[in-house]
Amino acid sequence: MNYEAILWYILFLDSIIACFLAFGFLDWYQENLPRVNKIFPITLGWSATYLTLTIWLGWALLRLNVLP
């Protein structure tokens, strides 16, 4: 497995977690992690955009036969 594939899988997992937090547990995130929330605020739009861009990048890597 190459480094590009490993990096993409890490980014994909991170984008899924970000969308999961933004769509389901936004209040929990803001209440329990106030310092992190000030630095990295989670919004619905940016989380969906992050997931969309990650999927698009994965599709491009798959077409180039980089992803197994």
C-alpha atoms as a PDB file:
ATOM      1  CA  MET A   1       0.000   0.000   0.000  1.00  0.00           C
ATOM      2  CA  ASN A   2       1.349   3.424  -0.864  1.00  0.00           C
ATOM      3  CA  TYR A   3       1.428   6.631   1.154  1.00  0.00           C
ATOM      4  CA  GLU A   4      -1.235   8.354  -0.932  1.00  0.00           C
ATOM      5  CA  ALA A   5      -3.733   5.614  -0.199  1.00  0.00           C
ATOM      6  CA  ILE A   6      -2.959   5.626   3.527  1.00  0.00           C
ATOM      7  CA  LEU A   7      -3.310   9.407   3.662  1.00  0.00           C
ATOM      8  CA  TRP A   8      -6.601   9.285   1.761  1.00  0.00           C
ATOM      9  CA  TYR A   9      -8.044   6.663   4.104  1.00  0.00           C
ATOM     10  CA  ILE A  10      -7.082   8.803   7.112  1.00  0.00           C
ATOM     11  CA  LEU A  11      -8.688  11.886   5.538  1.00  0.00           C
ATOM     12  CA  PHE A  12     -11.793   9.927   4.616  1.00  0.00           C
ATOM     13  CA  LEU A  13     -12.183   8.634   8.164  1.00  0.00           C
ATOM     14  CA  ASP A  14     -11.670  12.155   9.514  1.00  0.00           C
ATOM     15  CA  SER A  15     -14.287  13.603   7.169  1.00  0.00           C
ATOM     16  CA  ILE A  16     -16.802  10.935   8.174  1.00  0.00           C
ATOM     17  CA  ILE A  17     -16.185  11.690  11.859  1.00  0.00           C
ATOM     18  CA  ALA A  18     -16.542  15.440  11.210  1.00  0.00           C
ATOM     19  CA  CYS A  19     -19.877  14.924   9.430  1.00  0.00           C
ATOM     20  CA  PHE A  20     -21.042  12.568  12.167  1.00  0.00           C
ATOM     21  CA  LEU A  21     -20.262  15.209  14.800  1.00  0.00           C
ATOM     22  CA  ALA A  22     -21.753  18.058  12.780  1.00  0.00           C
ATOM     23  CA  PHE A  23     -24.995  16.310  11.928  1.00  0.00           C
ATOM     24  CA  GLY A  24     -25.603  14.412  15.147  1.00  0.00           C
ATOM     25  CA  PHE A  25     -23.550  15.605  18.088  1.00  0.00           C
ATOM     26  CA  LEU A  26     -22.884  19.315  17.538  1.00  0.00           C
ATOM     27  CA  ASP A  27     -24.204  20.338  20.953  1.00  0.00           C
ATOM     28  CA  TRP A  28     -22.103  17.672  22.692  1.00  0.00           C
ATOM     29  CA  TYR A  29     -18.989  18.827  20.832  1.00  0.00           C
ATOM     30  CA  GLN A  30     -19.537  22.474  21.743  1.00  0.00           C
ATOM     31  CA  GLU A  31     -20.256  21.753  25.411  1.00  0.00           C
ATOM     32  CA  ASN A  32     -17.574  19.152  26.141  1.00  0.00           C
ATOM     33  CA  LEU A  33     -14.733  20.513  24.001  1.00  0.00           C
ATOM     34  CA  PRO A  34     -14.985  24.327  24.257  1.00  0.00           C
ATOM     35  CA  ARG A  35     -11.271  25.006  23.627  1.00  0.00           C
ATOM     36  CA  VAL A  36     -11.190  22.808  20.556  1.00  0.00           C
ATOM     37  CA  ASN A  37     -14.475  24.329  19.386  1.00  0.00           C
ATOM     38  CA  LYS A  38     -12.934  27.826  19.463  1.00  0.00           C
ATOM     39  CA  ILE A  39     -10.032  26.692  17.274  1.00  0.00           C
ATOM     40  CA  PHE A  40     -11.893  24.188  15.060  1.00  0.00           C
ATOM     41  CA  PRO A  41     -15.589  25.046  14.962  1.00  0.00           C
ATOM     42  CA  ILE A  42     -17.683  22.407  13.243  1.00  0.00           C
ATOM     43  CA  THR A  43     -20.406  23.599  10.899  1.00  0.00           C
ATOM     44  CA  LEU A  44     -22.744  21.556   8.755  1.00  0.00           C
ATOM     45  CA  GLY A  45     -21.738  23.192   5.484  1.00  0.00           C
ATOM     46  CA  TRP A  46     -17.992  22.843   5.882  1.00  0.00           C
ATOM     47  CA  SER A  47     -18.268  19.255   7.083  1.00  0.00           C
ATOM     48  CA  ALA A  48     -20.364  18.300   4.067  1.00  0.00           C
ATOM     49  CA  THR A  49     -17.950  20.138   1.763  1.00  0.00           C
ATOM     50  CA  TYR A  50     -14.985  18.351   3.379  1.00  0.00           C
ATOM     51  CA  LEU A  51     -16.661  14.966   2.867  1.00  0.00           C
ATOM     52  CA  THR A  52     -17.543  15.821  -0.735  1.00  0.00           C
ATOM     53  CA  LEU A  53     -13.990  16.897  -1.562  1.00  0.00           C
ATOM     54  CA  THR A  54     -12.567  13.799   0.104  1.00  0.00           C
ATOM     55  CA  ILE A  55     -14.880  11.542  -1.903  1.00  0.00           C
ATOM     56  CA  TRP A  56     -13.959  13.394  -5.100  1.00  0.00           C
ATOM     57  CA  LEU A  57     -10.248  12.973  -4.327  1.00  0.00           C
ATOM     58  CA  GLY A  58     -10.772   9.284  -3.627  1.00  0.00           C
ATOM     59  CA  TRP A  59     -12.605   8.872  -6.900  1.00  0.00           C
ATOM     60  CA  ALA A  60      -9.715  10.542  -8.744  1.00  0.00           C
ATOM     61  CA  LEU A  61      -7.167   8.332  -6.963  1.00  0.00           C
ATOM     62  CA  LEU A  62      -9.237   5.263  -7.768  1.00  0.00           C
ATOM     63  CA  ARG A  63      -9.306   6.190 -11.459  1.00  0.00           C
ATOM     64  CA  LEU A  64      -5.505   6.502 -11.356  1.00  0.00           C
ATOM     65  CA  ASN A  65      -5.268   3.035  -9.739  1.00  0.00           C
ATOM     66  CA  VAL A  66      -3.675   4.436  -6.595  1.00  0.00           C
ATOM     67  CA  LEU A  67      -6.321   3.142  -4.181  1.00  0.00           C
ATOM     68  CA  PRO A  68      -6.604  -0.613  -3.744  1.00  0.00           C
END
